[in-house]
C-alpha atoms as a PDB file:
ATOM      1  CA  MET A   1       0.079   0.035  -0.030  1.00  0.00           C
ATOM      2  CA  LEU A   2       1.395   3.487  -0.879  1.00  0.00           C
ATOM      3  CA  THR A   3       0.493   6.315   1.358  1.00  0.00           C
ATOM      4  CA  THR A   4       2.759   9.108  -0.448  1.00  0.00           C
ATOM      5  CA  HIS A   5       2.495  10.404  -3.843  1.00  0.00           C
ATOM      6  CA  PRO A   6       5.120   9.124  -6.410  1.00  0.00           C
ATOM      7  CA  PRO A   7       7.613  11.382  -8.321  1.00  0.00           C
ATOM      8  CA  ALA A   8       6.340  12.951 -11.582  1.00  0.00           C
ATOM      9  CA  ILE A   9       6.753  10.711 -14.579  1.00  0.00           C
ATOM     10  CA  THR A  10       8.646  12.538 -17.117  1.00  0.00           C
ATOM     11  CA  PRO A  11       8.943  11.385 -21.013  1.00  0.00           C
ATOM     12  CA  THR A  12      12.384   9.642 -20.345  1.00  0.00           C
ATOM     13  CA  HIS A  13      11.044   7.878 -17.269  1.00  0.00           C
ATOM     14  CA  PRO A  14      10.920   3.958 -17.970  1.00  0.00           C
ATOM     15  CA  ARG A  15       7.251   3.840 -17.360  1.00  0.00           C
ATOM     16  CA  ALA A  16       6.574   6.785 -19.720  1.00  0.00           C
ATOM     17  CA  ARG A  17       8.673   4.876 -22.546  1.00  0.00           C
ATOM     18  CA  ARG A  18       6.750   1.613 -21.906  1.00  0.00           C
ATOM     19  CA  THR A  19       3.437   3.521 -22.027  1.00  0.00           C
ATOM     20  CA  LEU A  20       4.467   5.241 -25.396  1.00  0.00           C
ATOM     21  CA  ARG A  21       5.590   2.010 -26.844  1.00  0.00           C
ATOM     22  CA  GLY A  22       2.260   0.407 -26.014  1.00  0.00           C
ATOM     23  CA  ARG A  23       0.312   3.131 -27.550  1.00  0.00           C
ATOM     24  CA  ARG A  24       2.501   2.955 -30.642  1.00  0.00           C
ATOM     25  CA  ALA A  25       1.829  -0.804 -30.960  1.00  0.00           C
ATOM     26  CA  VAL A  26      -1.991  -0.304 -30.421  1.00  0.00           C
ATOM     27  CA  ARG A  27      -2.049   2.352 -33.306  1.00  0.00           C
ATOM     28  CA  ALA A  28      -0.123  -0.039 -35.489  1.00  0.00           C
ATOM     29  CA  VAL A  29      -2.376  -2.948 -34.984  1.00  0.00           C
ATOM     30  CA  VAL A  30      -5.548  -0.825 -35.609  1.00  0.00           C
ATOM     31  CA  ALA A  31      -4.048   0.639 -38.734  1.00  0.00           C
ATOM     32  CA  LEU A  32      -3.277  -2.887 -40.055  1.00  0.00           C
ATOM     33  CA  ALA A  33      -6.834  -3.974 -39.385  1.00  0.00           C
ATOM     34  CA  VAL A  34      -8.326  -0.906 -41.183  1.00  0.00           C
ATOM     35  CA  ALA A  35      -6.092  -1.443 -44.158  1.00  0.00           C
ATOM     36  CA  LEU A  36      -7.175  -5.041 -44.828  1.00  0.00           C
ATOM     37  CA  PRO A  37      -9.755  -5.926 -47.457  1.00  0.00           C
ATOM     38  CA  LEU A  38     -13.053  -7.120 -46.196  1.00  0.00           C
ATOM     39  CA  GLY A  39     -12.763 -10.623 -45.125  1.00  0.00           C
ATOM     40  CA  ALA A  40      -9.096 -10.743 -45.137  1.00  0.00           C
ATOM     41  CA  THR A  41      -6.805 -11.923 -42.252  1.00  0.00           C
ATOM     42  CA  ALA A  42      -3.395 -10.839 -41.058  1.00  0.00           C
ATOM     43  CA  THR A  43      -0.975 -12.067 -38.633  1.00  0.00           C
ATOM     44  CA  VAL A  44       0.182  -9.548 -35.936  1.00  0.00           C
ATOM     45  CA  PRO A  45       3.820  -9.864 -34.907  1.00  0.00           C
ATOM     46  CA  ALA A  46       4.161 -11.239 -31.542  1.00  0.00           C
ATOM     47  CA  PRO A  47       6.057  -8.275 -30.154  1.00  0.00           C
ATOM     48  CA  ALA A  48       3.263  -5.782 -31.097  1.00  0.00           C
ATOM     49  CA  LEU A  49       0.546  -8.256 -29.948  1.00  0.00           C
ATOM     50  CA  ALA A  50       2.327  -8.458 -26.574  1.00  0.00           C
ATOM     51  CA  GLN A  51       2.576  -4.778 -26.249  1.00  0.00           C
ATOM     52  CA  VAL A  52      -1.100  -4.329 -27.028  1.00  0.00           C
ATOM     53  CA  THR A  53      -2.021  -6.996 -24.454  1.00  0.00           C
ATOM     54  CA  SER A  54       0.001  -5.307 -21.901  1.00  0.00           C
ATOM     55  CA  ALA A  55      -1.306  -1.804 -22.544  1.00  0.00           C
ATOM     56  CA  ALA A  56      -4.837  -3.094 -22.294  1.00  0.00           C
ATOM     57  CA  SER A  57      -4.490  -5.244 -19.263  1.00  0.00           C
ATOM     58  CA  SER A  58      -1.644  -3.620 -17.137  1.00  0.00           C
ATOM     59  CA  CYS A  59      -4.097  -2.657 -14.443  1.00  0.00           C
ATOM     60  CA  GLY A  60      -6.686  -5.300 -14.836  1.00  0.00           C
ATOM     61  CA  ILE A  61      -9.242  -3.504 -13.017  1.00  0.00           C
ATOM     62  CA  VAL A  62     -12.791  -5.457 -12.829  1.00  0.00           C
ATOM     63  CA  TRP A  63     -14.212  -3.821  -9.690  1.00  0.00           C
ATOM     64  CA  GLY A  64     -17.177  -1.984 -11.317  1.00  0.00           C
ATOM     65  CA  SER A  65     -18.960   1.118  -9.799  1.00  0.00           C
ATOM     66  CA  GLN A  66     -21.850  -0.537  -7.914  1.00  0.00           C
ATOM     67  CA  PRO A  67     -22.090  -0.096  -4.092  1.00  0.00           C
ATOM     68  CA  LYS A  68     -19.788  -2.134  -1.946  1.00  0.00           C
ATOM     69  CA  ALA A  69     -21.064  -2.877   1.555  1.00  0.00           C
ATOM     70  CA  ALA A  70     -20.376  -5.525   4.301  1.00  0.00           C
ATOM     71  CA  GLY A  71     -20.688  -6.076   7.957  1.00  0.00           C
ATOM     72  CA  THR A  72     -22.353  -4.397  10.947  1.00  0.00           C
ATOM     73  CA  LEU A  73     -21.633  -1.468  13.426  1.00  0.00           C
ATOM     74  CA  SER A  74     -18.266  -1.976  15.188  1.00  0.00           C
ATOM     75  CA  PRO A  75     -18.681  -0.392  18.722  1.00  0.00           C
ATOM     76  CA  ALA A  76     -15.180  -1.703  19.762  1.00  0.00           C
ATOM     77  CA  ALA A  77     -13.548   0.241  16.979  1.00  0.00           C
ATOM     78  CA  GLN A  78     -13.079   4.199  16.638  1.00  0.00           C
ATOM     79  CA  VAL A  79     -11.858   6.173  13.620  1.00  0.00           C
ATOM     80  CA  SER A  80      -8.285   7.495  14.641  1.00  0.00           C
ATOM     81  CA  GLY A  81      -7.138   8.952  11.377  1.00  0.00           C
ATOM     82  CA  VAL A  82      -7.624   9.488   7.483  1.00  0.00           C
ATOM     83  CA  ARG A  83      -4.947   9.538   4.919  1.00  0.00           C
ATOM     84  CA  SER A  84      -4.577   9.026   1.145  1.00  0.00           C
ATOM     85  CA  GLY A  85      -2.202   8.054  -1.479  1.00  0.00           C
ATOM     86  CA  GLU A  86      -1.646   7.260  -5.164  1.00  0.00           C
ATOM     87  CA  HIS A  87      -1.092   3.918  -7.019  1.00  0.00           C
ATOM     88  CA  ALA A  88      -0.143   3.582 -10.651  1.00  0.00           C
ATOM     89  CA  CYS A  89      -3.607   2.324 -11.353  1.00  0.00           C
ATOM     90  CA  TRP A  90      -5.781   3.942  -8.630  1.00  0.00           C
ATOM     91  CA  ASP A  91      -5.941   6.613  -5.795  1.00  0.00           C
ATOM     92  CA  ARG A  92      -6.323   5.212  -2.346  1.00  0.00           C
ATOM     93  CA  LEU A  93      -8.231   6.403   0.865  1.00  0.00           C
ATOM     94  CA  VAL A  94      -7.355   4.819   4.114  1.00  0.00           C
ATOM     95  CA  VAL A  95      -9.331   5.220   7.347  1.00  0.00           C
ATOM     96  CA  ASP A  96      -7.423   4.023  10.313  1.00  0.00           C
ATOM     97  CA  LEU A  97      -9.193   2.758  13.298  1.00  0.00           C
ATOM     98  CA  ALA A  98      -8.350   1.753  16.925  1.00  0.00           C
ATOM     99  CA  GLY A  99      -9.992  -1.733  17.145  1.00  0.00           C
ATOM    100  CA  PRO A 100     -11.523  -4.008  14.601  1.00  0.00           C
ATOM    101  CA  LEU A 101     -13.750  -2.651  12.050  1.00  0.00           C
ATOM    102  CA  LYS A 102     -16.584  -4.961  11.087  1.00  0.00           C
ATOM    103  CA  GLY A 103     -18.439  -2.997   8.465  1.00  0.00           C
ATOM    104  CA  TYR A 104     -18.707  -0.268   5.921  1.00  0.00           C
ATOM    105  CA  ASP A 105     -21.068   1.037   2.999  1.00  0.00           C
ATOM    106  CA  VAL A 106     -19.255   2.723   0.045  1.00  0.00           C
ATOM    107  CA  ARG A 107     -21.254   3.970  -2.935  1.00  0.00           C
ATOM    108  CA  TYR A 108     -21.864   6.644  -5.546  1.00  0.00           C
ATOM    109  CA  VAL A 109     -24.520   9.091  -4.528  1.00  0.00           C
ATOM    110  CA  PRO A 110     -26.138  12.180  -5.958  1.00  0.00           C
ATOM    111  CA  VAL A 111     -25.023  14.050  -2.943  1.00  0.00           C
ATOM    112  CA  VAL A 112     -23.464  12.926   0.349  1.00  0.00           C
ATOM    113  CA  ARG A 113     -25.479  13.684   3.452  1.00  0.00           C
ATOM    114  CA  ALA A 114     -24.052  14.682   6.788  1.00  0.00           C
ATOM    115  CA  GLU A 115     -24.601  12.364   9.677  1.00  0.00           C
ATOM    116  CA  GLY A 116     -27.391  13.458  12.161  1.00  0.00           C
ATOM    117  CA  SER A 117     -28.498  16.609  10.244  1.00  0.00           C
ATOM    118  CA  GLY A 118     -28.790  15.227   6.599  1.00  0.00           C
ATOM    119  CA  MET A 119     -27.383  18.497   5.351  1.00  0.00           C
ATOM    120  CA  PRO A 120     -25.705  18.060   2.046  1.00  0.00           C
ATOM    121  CA  VAL A 121     -21.918  17.900   1.939  1.00  0.00           C
ATOM    122  CA  PRO A 122     -20.775  19.057  -1.798  1.00  0.00           C
ATOM    123  CA  VAL A 123     -17.478  17.901  -3.074  1.00  0.00           C
ATOM    124  CA  ARG A 124     -15.457  18.865  -6.085  1.00  0.00           C
ATOM    125  CA  GLY A 125     -15.378  16.451  -9.024  1.00  0.00           C
ATOM    126  CA  GLY A 126     -17.709  14.776 -11.470  1.00  0.00           C
ATOM    127  CA  ALA A 127     -18.985  12.244  -9.043  1.00  0.00           C
ATOM    128  CA  ALA A 128     -19.370  11.789  -5.227  1.00  0.00           C
ATOM    129  CA  ILE A 129     -18.843   8.740  -3.053  1.00  0.00           C
ATOM    130  CA  ALA A 130     -20.258   8.344   0.368  1.00  0.00           C
ATOM    131  CA  VAL A 131     -17.807   6.403   2.561  1.00  0.00           C
ATOM    132  CA  VAL A 132     -19.705   5.271   5.537  1.00  0.00           C
ATOM    133  CA  ILE A 133     -17.473   3.605   8.198  1.00  0.00           C
ATOM    134  CA  LYS A 134     -19.589   1.625  10.549  1.00  0.00           C
ATOM    135  CA  ALA A 135     -17.638   2.944  13.607  1.00  0.00           C
ATOM    136  CA  PRO A 136     -17.653   6.243  15.581  1.00  0.00           C
ATOM    137  CA  SER A 137     -14.994   8.784  15.657  1.00  0.00           C
ATOM    138  CA  TYR A 138     -15.479   9.154  19.382  1.00  0.00           C
ATOM    139  CA  ASP A 139     -15.366   7.004  22.347  1.00  0.00           C
ATOM    140  CA  PRO A 140     -18.906   5.618  22.980  1.00  0.00           C
ATOM    141  CA  ALA A 141     -18.357   5.443  26.805  1.00  0.00           C
ATOM    142  CA  THR A 142     -17.273   8.957  27.254  1.00  0.00           C
ATOM    143  CA  GLY A 143     -18.233  10.891  23.917  1.00  0.00           C
ATOM    144  CA  ARG A 144     -14.685  12.097  23.636  1.00  0.00           C
ATOM    145  CA  PRO A 145     -13.584  12.613  20.033  1.00  0.00           C
ATOM    146  CA  THR A 146     -10.809  10.005  18.720  1.00  0.00           C
ATOM    147  CA  PHE A 147     -10.481  12.008  15.370  1.00  0.00           C
ATOM    148  CA  VAL A 148     -11.235  15.671  14.518  1.00  0.00           C
ATOM    149  CA  PRO A 149     -10.066  16.877  11.120  1.00  0.00           C
ATOM    150  CA  SER A 150      -8.236  20.319  11.305  1.00  0.00           C
ATOM    151  CA  ASN A 151     -10.127  21.346   8.137  1.00  0.00           C
ATOM    152  CA  PRO A 152     -13.436  19.379   7.727  1.00  0.00           C
ATOM    153  CA  ARG A 153     -13.499  20.535   4.073  1.00  0.00           C
ATOM    154  CA  GLU A 154     -10.117  19.184   3.322  1.00  0.00           C
ATOM    155  CA  VAL A 155      -9.631  16.222   5.432  1.00  0.00           C
ATOM    156  CA  VAL A 156      -6.774  15.108   3.333  1.00  0.00           C
ATOM    157  CA  ARG A 157      -5.399  17.405   0.681  1.00  0.00           C
ATOM    158  CA  VAL A 158      -5.358  15.648  -2.824  1.00  0.00           C
ATOM    159  CA  THR A 159      -4.303  18.456  -5.000  1.00  0.00           C
ATOM    160  CA  GLY A 160      -2.690  16.881  -8.147  1.00  0.00           C
ATOM    161  CA  ASP A 161      -4.231  13.363  -7.665  1.00  0.00           C
ATOM    162  CA  ARG A 162      -5.466  11.650 -10.937  1.00  0.00           C
ATOM    163  CA  THR A 163      -8.697  10.544  -9.597  1.00  0.00           C
ATOM    164  CA  PHE A 164      -9.429  12.152  -6.177  1.00  0.00           C
ATOM    165  CA  ARG A 165     -10.721  15.780  -6.122  1.00  0.00           C
ATOM    166  CA  GLN A 166     -11.752  16.202  -2.424  1.00  0.00           C
ATOM    167  CA  ILE A 167     -12.190  14.493   0.745  1.00  0.00           C
ATOM    168  CA  ALA A 168     -14.699  16.195   3.066  1.00  0.00           C
ATOM    169  CA  TRP A 169     -15.891  15.283   6.702  1.00  0.00           C
ATOM    170  CA  ALA A 170     -19.630  14.414   6.812  1.00  0.00           C
ATOM    171  CA  GLY A 171     -19.502  13.734  10.556  1.00  0.00           C
ATOM    172  CA  SER A 172     -20.117  11.002  13.065  1.00  0.00           C
ATOM    173  CA  PHE A 173     -23.366   9.944  14.712  1.00  0.00           C
ATOM    174  CA  GLU A 174     -24.954   7.019  16.320  1.00  0.00           C
ATOM    175  CA  GLY A 175     -21.997   4.778  15.852  1.00  0.00           C
ATOM    176  CA  GLN A 176     -21.001   5.503  12.332  1.00  0.00           C
ATOM    177  CA  THR A 177     -18.814   8.019  10.471  1.00  0.00           C
ATOM    178  CA  THR A 178     -19.142   9.396   6.923  1.00  0.00           C
ATOM    179  CA  LEU A 179     -16.633  10.871   4.611  1.00  0.00           C
ATOM    180  CA  ALA A 180     -17.515  12.569   1.338  1.00  0.00           C
ATOM    181  CA  LEU A 181     -15.094  11.573  -1.367  1.00  0.00           C
ATOM    182  CA  GLY A 182     -15.195  13.834  -4.658  1.00  0.00           C
ATOM    183  CA  VAL A 183     -13.776  12.022  -7.647  1.00  0.00           C
ATOM    184  CA  ARG A 184     -13.082  13.072 -11.260  1.00  0.00           C
ATOM    185  CA  ALA A 185     -15.933  10.761 -12.822  1.00  0.00           C
ATOM    186  CA  ARG A 186     -17.817   7.672 -11.964  1.00  0.00           C
ATOM    187  CA  LEU A 187     -14.959   5.257 -12.079  1.00  0.00           C
ATOM    188  CA  PRO A 188     -14.593   1.627 -10.724  1.00  0.00           C
ATOM    189  CA  PHE A 189     -13.725   1.299  -7.143  1.00  0.00           C
ATOM    190  CA  ARG A 190     -13.387  -1.227  -4.549  1.00  0.00           C
ATOM    191  CA  ALA A 191     -13.462  -1.358  -0.617  1.00  0.00           C
ATOM    192  CA  PHE A 192     -12.075  -3.740   1.932  1.00  0.00           C
ATOM    193  CA  ILE A 193     -10.854  -4.038   5.483  1.00  0.00           C
ATOM    194  CA  LEU A 194      -7.214  -4.822   6.463  1.00  0.00           C
ATOM    195  CA  ALA A 195      -6.219  -5.825  10.043  1.00  0.00           C
ATOM    196  CA  GLY A 196      -3.526  -4.182  12.070  1.00  0.00           C
ATOM    197  CA  PRO A 197      -1.314  -2.605  12.886  1.00  0.00           C
ATOM    198  CA  GLY A 198      -1.610  -4.226  16.242  1.00  0.00           C
ATOM    199  CA  THR A 199      -5.229  -4.465  17.537  1.00  0.00           C
ATOM    200  CA  GLY A 200      -6.285  -1.780  14.946  1.00  0.00           C
ATOM    201  CA  SER A 201      -7.675  -2.044  11.503  1.00  0.00           C
ATOM    202  CA  ARG A 202      -7.975  -0.086   8.230  1.00  0.00           C
ATOM    203  CA  LEU A 203     -10.823   0.533   5.690  1.00  0.00           C
ATOM    204  CA  VAL A 204      -9.300   0.833   2.321  1.00  0.00           C
ATOM    205  CA  VAL A 205     -11.224   2.494  -0.675  1.00  0.00           C
ATOM    206  CA  ASP A 206      -9.401   2.406  -4.136  1.00  0.00           C
ATOM    207  CA  VAL A 207     -10.807   4.279  -6.979  1.00  0.00           C
ATOM    208  CA  ALA A 208      -9.430   3.594 -10.530  1.00  0.00           C
ATOM    209  CA  HIS A 209      -7.810   6.213 -12.724  1.00  0.00           C
ATOM    210  CA  THR A 210      -9.699   4.710 -15.724  1.00  0.00           C
ATOM    211  CA  TRP A 211     -12.127   2.067 -16.785  1.00  0.00           C
END
């Protein structure tokens, strides 16, 4: 899991050269297909075919954009932090928890609603994802907060990310916490829970850069 942004990729970077070669291979194969008479066949050179296959399936994302939900409320877990990072194929949101998280509900919505009040929490981007963590950001026994963002409108700054546009706080109420995640467009995403470190846990939400 990456939690920091990678260095910029320049035209001379090895990944950039591989991407450029893959695009050239795709254009060459398409041009060959267009030039063939109707009904004719042709053999694509193995190196070009390999580059096309690599360019098309390097990320292999099959997540879709439908809601991802699992589990129940987690009274033994409390939100302790929020962070984000960038992968070659997706942007990642990580919610850290003290204790074992048991459930979540992550889905695209017309507008994210604040916990308790139901007020809209608008975010930048072409689409909005409601990230509902089925755990509070406060100690249920004392009501003392376990996580308070310094800037609720910019819980984590994501300037320059390929997919993320904004991460905003939507509150914590009756045992669950919501984040408003603004993304570039309605893109494939996945959500899952990781155990640790120690007795803690993490909710991970990855949103792909492309379909």
